[in-house]
Amino acid sequence: MKILNEFKTFAMKGNVIDMAVGVIIGAAFGKIVTSIVNDLVMPPIGYLVGGVSFTELKYVLKEAVGETPAVSINYGNFLQVTFDFLIIAFSIFMIIKVMNSAKKKETPAPAPPPAAPAPTKEEQLLTEIRDLLKK
C-alpha cells in the first residue's frame, strides 16, 4: 500500500497535472499546425515548385511486382514532417517569448531600500558626549 500512496502523491502534484494538460493541448495544437502546413502553406509551395505534392516525392529502389509493393524512400514525407516541426517549433518559441515579456511587465520594480532610521535620543546624546570628549 505504501507504493500506492507514493504514486498517488506523485500523480497529484501540480507539475504532473500541468504536464498532462500541456501534452493534451500540445497534441491539439499539433493537429492545427499540421492542417495549416498541409492545407495553407504547402499547396502554394508545391505550385511554385511545379505542382508537386511533397508527400508524393520518393525514390523508388524496387518497382512493384504483382502483389508485392514497391520499395521506396519517401523523402517527400520527411520534408513535410520537417516543415511541420519547424512551424510548430517557431510557434511555440513565439508563444514563450510573448509569455516571458508579459511576465517581465507584471514583475514590479524592486522597492528602494528603506532609509536608515533616525538615531534615537540616546544615540544623539551619546554622539554629543563623544564629540565633547574628543575636544
N, C-alpha and C. Protein backbone atom coordinates (compact mmCIF):
# COMPACT_ATOMS: atom_id res chain seq x y z
N MET A 1 0.80 -1.19 0.00
CA MET A 1 0.00 0.00 0.00
C MET A 1 0.85 1.26 0.00
N LYS A 2 2.08 1.14 0.50
CA LYS A 2 2.96 2.32 0.54
C LYS A 2 3.24 2.81 -0.88
N ILE A 3 3.44 1.89 -1.81
CA ILE A 3 3.73 2.27 -3.19
C ILE A 3 2.52 2.98 -3.79
N LEU A 4 1.32 2.51 -3.47
CA LEU A 4 0.12 3.15 -3.97
C LEU A 4 0.00 4.58 -3.46
N ASN A 5 0.31 4.79 -2.19
CA ASN A 5 0.25 6.13 -1.62
C ASN A 5 1.31 7.04 -2.24
N GLU A 6 2.51 6.48 -2.46
CA GLU A 6 3.57 7.27 -3.11
C GLU A 6 3.16 7.66 -4.52
N PHE A 7 2.55 6.71 -5.26
CA PHE A 7 2.12 7.02 -6.62
C PHE A 7 1.03 8.08 -6.61
N LYS A 8 0.10 7.98 -5.67
CA LYS A 8 -0.97 8.97 -5.56
C LYS A 8 -0.38 10.35 -5.29
N THR A 9 0.59 10.41 -4.38
CA THR A 9 1.24 11.69 -4.08
C THR A 9 1.94 12.24 -5.32
N PHE A 10 2.63 11.37 -6.04
CA PHE A 10 3.34 11.78 -7.25
C PHE A 10 2.36 12.28 -8.32
N ALA A 11 1.30 11.52 -8.55
CA ALA A 11 0.35 11.84 -9.61
C ALA A 11 -0.45 13.10 -9.32
N MET A 12 -0.63 13.43 -8.06
CA MET A 12 -1.44 14.59 -7.72
C MET A 12 -0.61 15.87 -7.56
N LYS A 13 0.69 15.78 -7.76
CA LYS A 13 1.50 17.00 -7.70
C LYS A 13 1.07 17.92 -8.83
N GLY A 14 1.19 19.20 -8.59
CA GLY A 14 0.78 20.18 -9.59
C GLY A 14 1.54 20.06 -10.89
N ASN A 15 2.83 19.75 -10.83
CA ASN A 15 3.64 19.68 -12.05
C ASN A 15 3.15 18.57 -12.98
N VAL A 16 2.77 17.43 -12.43
CA VAL A 16 2.32 16.31 -13.26
C VAL A 16 1.00 16.66 -13.94
N ILE A 17 0.09 17.28 -13.21
CA ILE A 17 -1.20 17.68 -13.78
C ILE A 17 -0.97 18.72 -14.88
N ASP A 18 -0.10 19.70 -14.60
CA ASP A 18 0.21 20.73 -15.60
C ASP A 18 0.81 20.11 -16.85
N MET A 19 1.70 19.14 -16.66
CA MET A 19 2.33 18.49 -17.80
C MET A 19 1.29 17.73 -18.62
N ALA A 20 0.36 17.04 -17.96
CA ALA A 20 -0.67 16.30 -18.67
C ALA A 20 -1.54 17.24 -19.50
N VAL A 21 -1.92 18.36 -18.92
CA VAL A 21 -2.71 19.36 -19.66
C VAL A 21 -1.90 19.88 -20.84
N GLY A 22 -0.61 20.14 -20.63
CA GLY A 22 0.25 20.62 -21.71
C GLY A 22 0.35 19.63 -22.86
N VAL A 23 0.45 18.34 -22.53
CA VAL A 23 0.54 17.31 -23.58
C VAL A 23 -0.75 17.26 -24.38
N ILE A 24 -1.87 17.33 -23.70
CA ILE A 24 -3.17 17.28 -24.41
C ILE A 24 -3.34 18.51 -25.30
N ILE A 25 -3.03 19.68 -24.77
CA ILE A 25 -3.15 20.90 -25.58
C ILE A 25 -2.12 20.88 -26.71
N GLY A 26 -0.92 20.36 -26.43
CA GLY A 26 0.11 20.26 -27.46
C GLY A 26 -0.31 19.36 -28.61
N ALA A 27 -0.98 18.26 -28.29
CA ALA A 27 -1.45 17.36 -29.35
C ALA A 27 -2.48 18.06 -30.23
N ALA A 28 -3.40 18.78 -29.59
CA ALA A 28 -4.40 19.52 -30.37
C ALA A 28 -3.74 20.62 -31.19
N PHE A 29 -2.76 21.30 -30.59
CA PHE A 29 -2.04 22.36 -31.31
C PHE A 29 -1.29 21.77 -32.49
N GLY A 30 -0.71 20.58 -32.30
CA GLY A 30 0.00 19.92 -33.39
C GLY A 30 -0.92 19.63 -34.57
N LYS A 31 -2.15 19.23 -34.29
CA LYS A 31 -3.11 18.97 -35.37
C LYS A 31 -3.44 20.25 -36.12
N ILE A 32 -3.57 21.35 -35.38
CA ILE A 32 -3.87 22.63 -36.02
C ILE A 32 -2.72 23.04 -36.93
N VAL A 33 -1.49 22.92 -36.42
CA VAL A 33 -0.33 23.31 -37.23
C VAL A 33 -0.17 22.39 -38.43
N THR A 34 -0.42 21.10 -38.25
CA THR A 34 -0.34 20.18 -39.38
C THR A 34 -1.35 20.57 -40.46
N SER A 35 -2.53 20.96 -40.05
CA SER A 35 -3.53 21.41 -41.01
C SER A 35 -3.08 22.68 -41.71
N ILE A 36 -2.50 23.61 -40.95
CA ILE A 36 -2.01 24.85 -41.55
C ILE A 36 -0.95 24.54 -42.60
N VAL A 37 -0.01 23.65 -42.22
CA VAL A 37 1.07 23.31 -43.16
C VAL A 37 0.51 22.60 -44.38
N ASN A 38 -0.31 21.56 -44.17
CA ASN A 38 -0.81 20.76 -45.29
C ASN A 38 -1.80 21.51 -46.17
N ASP A 39 -2.64 22.34 -45.55
CA ASP A 39 -3.73 22.95 -46.31
C ASP A 39 -3.46 24.39 -46.75
N LEU A 40 -2.55 25.10 -46.06
CA LEU A 40 -2.32 26.50 -46.40
C LEU A 40 -0.91 26.79 -46.90
N VAL A 41 0.08 26.18 -46.30
CA VAL A 41 1.47 26.52 -46.65
C VAL A 41 1.99 25.69 -47.82
N MET A 42 1.79 24.38 -47.77
CA MET A 42 2.38 23.51 -48.78
C MET A 42 1.77 23.63 -50.18
N PRO A 43 0.46 23.84 -50.33
CA PRO A 43 -0.06 23.98 -51.70
C PRO A 43 0.59 25.10 -52.50
N PRO A 44 0.77 26.33 -51.94
CA PRO A 44 1.46 27.35 -52.73
C PRO A 44 2.93 26.98 -53.03
N ILE A 45 3.59 26.36 -52.07
CA ILE A 45 4.99 25.96 -52.32
C ILE A 45 5.02 24.89 -53.40
N GLY A 46 4.10 23.93 -53.34
CA GLY A 46 4.02 22.91 -54.39
C GLY A 46 3.72 23.52 -55.74
N TYR A 47 2.87 24.53 -55.76
CA TYR A 47 2.55 25.21 -57.02
C TYR A 47 3.78 25.92 -57.58
N LEU A 48 4.53 26.59 -56.70
CA LEU A 48 5.74 27.28 -57.15
C LEU A 48 6.80 26.31 -57.67
N VAL A 49 6.84 25.12 -57.10
CA VAL A 49 7.84 24.12 -57.50
C VAL A 49 7.39 23.39 -58.76
N GLY A 50 6.17 23.58 -59.17
CA GLY A 50 5.70 22.95 -60.41
C GLY A 50 4.55 21.98 -60.17
N GLY A 51 3.75 22.23 -59.18
CA GLY A 51 2.58 21.38 -58.93
C GLY A 51 2.90 20.08 -58.23
N VAL A 52 4.07 20.00 -57.60
CA VAL A 52 4.48 18.77 -56.95
C VAL A 52 3.97 18.76 -55.51
N SER A 53 3.37 17.65 -55.10
CA SER A 53 2.99 17.47 -53.71
C SER A 53 4.16 16.82 -53.01
N PHE A 54 4.63 17.43 -51.94
CA PHE A 54 5.82 16.93 -51.25
C PHE A 54 5.64 15.51 -50.74
N THR A 55 4.43 15.16 -50.31
CA THR A 55 4.24 13.82 -49.76
C THR A 55 4.37 12.74 -50.82
N GLU A 56 4.27 13.10 -52.08
CA GLU A 56 4.38 12.12 -53.17
C GLU A 56 5.81 11.96 -53.67
N LEU A 57 6.73 12.78 -53.20
CA LEU A 57 8.12 12.66 -53.63
C LEU A 57 8.76 11.42 -53.02
N LYS A 58 9.35 10.60 -53.86
CA LYS A 58 10.01 9.39 -53.36
C LYS A 58 11.02 8.89 -54.38
N TYR A 59 11.94 8.11 -53.87
CA TYR A 59 12.95 7.47 -54.72
C TYR A 59 12.67 5.97 -54.67
N VAL A 60 12.31 5.42 -55.80
CA VAL A 60 11.94 4.01 -55.86
C VAL A 60 13.19 3.16 -56.00
N LEU A 61 13.37 2.26 -55.03
CA LEU A 61 14.51 1.34 -55.07
C LEU A 61 14.17 0.10 -55.90
N LYS A 62 12.93 -0.35 -55.76
CA LYS A 62 12.50 -1.55 -56.49
C LYS A 62 11.04 -1.36 -56.86
N GLU A 63 10.72 -1.51 -58.12
CA GLU A 63 9.36 -1.34 -58.61
C GLU A 63 8.46 -2.44 -58.06
N ALA A 64 7.16 -2.16 -58.02
CA ALA A 64 6.19 -3.14 -57.58
C ALA A 64 6.09 -4.26 -58.60
N VAL A 65 6.00 -5.48 -58.10
CA VAL A 65 5.87 -6.64 -58.99
C VAL A 65 4.67 -7.44 -58.50
N GLY A 66 3.64 -7.49 -59.30
CA GLY A 66 2.44 -8.24 -58.92
C GLY A 66 1.82 -7.63 -57.66
N GLU A 67 1.67 -8.48 -56.63
CA GLU A 67 1.09 -8.01 -55.38
C GLU A 67 2.16 -7.49 -54.42
N THR A 68 3.41 -7.64 -54.77
CA THR A 68 4.50 -7.15 -53.93
C THR A 68 4.61 -5.63 -54.12
N PRO A 69 4.50 -4.87 -53.01
CA PRO A 69 4.56 -3.42 -53.15
C PRO A 69 5.98 -2.94 -53.49
N ALA A 70 6.04 -1.74 -54.02
CA ALA A 70 7.33 -1.15 -54.38
C ALA A 70 8.09 -0.80 -53.11
N VAL A 71 9.42 -0.83 -53.22
CA VAL A 71 10.30 -0.42 -52.13
C VAL A 71 10.81 0.97 -52.50
N SER A 72 10.52 1.94 -51.62
CA SER A 72 10.91 3.31 -51.96
C SER A 72 11.33 4.08 -50.71
N ILE A 73 12.11 5.12 -50.94
CA ILE A 73 12.49 6.06 -49.88
C ILE A 73 11.59 7.28 -50.06
N ASN A 74 10.73 7.51 -49.08
CA ASN A 74 9.73 8.58 -49.17
C ASN A 74 10.28 9.87 -48.56
N TYR A 75 11.17 10.52 -49.27
CA TYR A 75 11.79 11.73 -48.73
C TYR A 75 10.82 12.92 -48.73
N GLY A 76 9.80 12.88 -49.55
CA GLY A 76 8.81 13.95 -49.56
C GLY A 76 8.04 14.01 -48.25
N ASN A 77 7.70 12.85 -47.72
CA ASN A 77 7.00 12.81 -46.43
C ASN A 77 7.91 13.36 -45.34
N PHE A 78 9.21 13.05 -45.44
CA PHE A 78 10.18 13.59 -44.48
C PHE A 78 10.21 15.12 -44.56
N LEU A 79 10.20 15.67 -45.77
CA LEU A 79 10.18 17.13 -45.93
C LEU A 79 8.92 17.72 -45.32
N GLN A 80 7.79 17.05 -45.52
CA GLN A 80 6.53 17.53 -44.97
C GLN A 80 6.57 17.57 -43.45
N VAL A 81 7.06 16.50 -42.84
CA VAL A 81 7.13 16.43 -41.37
C VAL A 81 8.14 17.46 -40.85
N THR A 82 9.21 17.69 -41.60
CA THR A 82 10.20 18.69 -41.19
C THR A 82 9.58 20.09 -41.20
N PHE A 83 8.80 20.41 -42.23
CA PHE A 83 8.11 21.70 -42.26
C PHE A 83 7.15 21.81 -41.08
N ASP A 84 6.42 20.74 -40.80
CA ASP A 84 5.51 20.74 -39.64
C ASP A 84 6.28 21.07 -38.36
N PHE A 85 7.40 20.38 -38.17
CA PHE A 85 8.20 20.58 -36.95
C PHE A 85 8.69 22.02 -36.86
N LEU A 86 9.22 22.56 -37.94
CA LEU A 86 9.75 23.92 -37.91
C LEU A 86 8.67 24.94 -37.58
N ILE A 87 7.50 24.77 -38.14
CA ILE A 87 6.42 25.71 -37.86
C ILE A 87 5.94 25.56 -36.41
N ILE A 88 5.83 24.33 -35.92
CA ILE A 88 5.43 24.12 -34.53
C ILE A 88 6.48 24.72 -33.59
N ALA A 89 7.76 24.44 -33.86
CA ALA A 89 8.83 24.95 -33.01
C ALA A 89 8.83 26.48 -32.99
N PHE A 90 8.66 27.10 -34.16
CA PHE A 90 8.64 28.56 -34.22
C PHE A 90 7.42 29.12 -33.48
N SER A 91 6.27 28.46 -33.64
CA SER A 91 5.05 28.92 -32.95
C SER A 91 5.22 28.85 -31.44
N ILE A 92 5.77 27.76 -30.95
CA ILE A 92 5.99 27.61 -29.51
C ILE A 92 7.00 28.64 -29.03
N PHE A 93 8.05 28.87 -29.81
CA PHE A 93 9.05 29.89 -29.45
C PHE A 93 8.38 31.26 -29.30
N MET A 94 7.50 31.61 -30.25
CA MET A 94 6.84 32.91 -30.19
C MET A 94 5.89 32.99 -28.99
N ILE A 95 5.19 31.91 -28.68
CA ILE A 95 4.29 31.91 -27.53
C ILE A 95 5.07 32.10 -26.25
N ILE A 96 6.19 31.40 -26.11
CA ILE A 96 7.02 31.53 -24.90
C ILE A 96 7.62 32.92 -24.82
N LYS A 97 8.01 33.47 -25.95
CA LYS A 97 8.56 34.83 -25.97
C LYS A 97 7.52 35.84 -25.48
N VAL A 98 6.29 35.70 -25.95
CA VAL A 98 5.22 36.60 -25.51
C VAL A 98 4.94 36.42 -24.02
N MET A 99 4.92 35.17 -23.57
CA MET A 99 4.67 34.92 -22.14
C MET A 99 5.78 35.50 -21.28
N ASN A 100 7.04 35.36 -21.70
CA ASN A 100 8.16 35.92 -20.93
C ASN A 100 8.10 37.44 -20.88
N SER A 101 7.74 38.07 -22.00
CA SER A 101 7.66 39.53 -21.99
C SER A 101 6.49 39.98 -21.11
N ALA A 102 5.41 39.20 -21.07
CA ALA A 102 4.28 39.54 -20.19
C ALA A 102 4.69 39.39 -18.73
N LYS A 103 5.50 38.38 -18.43
CA LYS A 103 5.98 38.21 -17.05
C LYS A 103 6.85 39.38 -16.63
N LYS A 104 7.69 39.86 -17.54
CA LYS A 104 8.57 40.99 -17.22
C LYS A 104 7.75 42.23 -16.91
N LYS A 105 6.65 42.42 -17.65
CA LYS A 105 5.80 43.59 -17.41
C LYS A 105 5.07 43.47 -16.08
N GLU A 106 4.70 42.24 -15.69
CA GLU A 106 3.99 42.03 -14.44
C GLU A 106 4.88 42.21 -13.23
N THR A 107 6.16 41.90 -13.37
CA THR A 107 7.07 41.96 -12.24
C THR A 107 7.26 43.41 -11.83
N PRO A 108 6.89 43.74 -10.58
CA PRO A 108 7.04 45.12 -10.14
C PRO A 108 8.52 45.47 -9.96
N ALA A 109 8.80 46.75 -10.09
CA ALA A 109 10.17 47.21 -9.90
C ALA A 109 10.55 46.99 -8.44
N PRO A 110 11.81 46.64 -8.20
CA PRO A 110 12.21 46.42 -6.82
C PRO A 110 12.06 47.70 -6.00
N ALA A 111 11.57 47.54 -4.78
CA ALA A 111 11.36 48.70 -3.90
C ALA A 111 12.71 49.26 -3.49
N PRO A 112 12.80 50.59 -3.41
CA PRO A 112 14.07 51.16 -2.98
C PRO A 112 14.35 50.75 -1.53
N PRO A 113 15.63 50.61 -1.20
CA PRO A 113 15.94 50.18 0.16
C PRO A 113 15.44 51.23 1.16
N PRO A 114 14.96 50.76 2.30
CA PRO A 114 14.43 51.71 3.27
C PRO A 114 15.54 52.63 3.79
N ALA A 115 15.15 53.86 4.05
CA ALA A 115 16.13 54.83 4.56
C ALA A 115 16.57 54.41 5.96
N ALA A 116 17.79 54.79 6.28
CA ALA A 116 18.30 54.45 7.61
C ALA A 116 17.44 55.15 8.65
N PRO A 117 17.08 54.43 9.70
CA PRO A 117 16.23 55.06 10.71
C PRO A 117 16.97 56.20 11.42
N ALA A 118 16.22 57.19 11.81
CA ALA A 118 16.82 58.34 12.52
C ALA A 118 17.36 57.85 13.87
N PRO A 119 18.46 58.44 14.30
CA PRO A 119 19.04 58.00 15.58
C PRO A 119 18.08 58.32 16.73
N THR A 120 18.09 57.43 17.70
CA THR A 120 17.24 57.65 18.88
C THR A 120 17.84 58.77 19.74
N LYS A 121 17.09 59.23 20.72
CA LYS A 121 17.58 60.31 21.61
C LYS A 121 18.82 59.86 22.35
N GLU A 122 18.87 58.61 22.75
CA GLU A 122 20.05 58.10 23.46
C GLU A 122 21.28 58.18 22.57
N GLU A 123 21.10 57.76 21.30
CA GLU A 123 22.24 57.80 20.37
C GLU A 123 22.70 59.23 20.15
N GLN A 124 21.74 60.16 20.03
CA GLN A 124 22.12 61.56 19.85
C GLN A 124 22.91 62.07 21.07
N LEU A 125 22.44 61.74 22.26
CA LEU A 125 23.16 62.16 23.47
C LEU A 125 24.55 61.55 23.53
N LEU A 126 24.65 60.26 23.20
CA LEU A 126 25.96 59.60 23.22
C LEU A 126 26.89 60.21 22.18
N THR A 127 26.35 60.57 21.03
CA THR A 127 27.16 61.20 19.99
C THR A 127 27.67 62.55 20.48
N GLU A 128 26.81 63.32 21.13
CA GLU A 128 27.23 64.62 21.65
C GLU A 128 28.31 64.46 22.72
N ILE A 129 28.13 63.49 23.60
CA ILE A 129 29.13 63.25 24.64
C ILE A 129 30.46 62.85 24.01
N ARG A 130 30.42 61.97 23.02
CA ARG A 130 31.65 61.54 22.33
C ARG A 130 32.35 62.74 21.71
N ASP A 131 31.58 63.59 21.03
CA ASP A 131 32.17 64.76 20.39
C ASP A 131 32.78 65.70 21.41
N LEU A 132 32.11 65.88 22.55
CA LEU A 132 32.66 66.76 23.61
C LEU A 132 33.94 66.17 24.18
N LEU A 133 33.98 64.86 24.33
CA LEU A 133 35.18 64.23 24.89
C LEU A 133 36.35 64.34 23.90
N LYS A 134 36.08 64.30 22.62
CA LYS A 134 37.14 64.44 21.62
C LYS A 134 37.79 65.81 21.71
N LYS A 135 37.00 66.81 22.02
CA LYS A 135 37.54 68.17 22.09
C LYS A 135 38.38 68.27 23.31
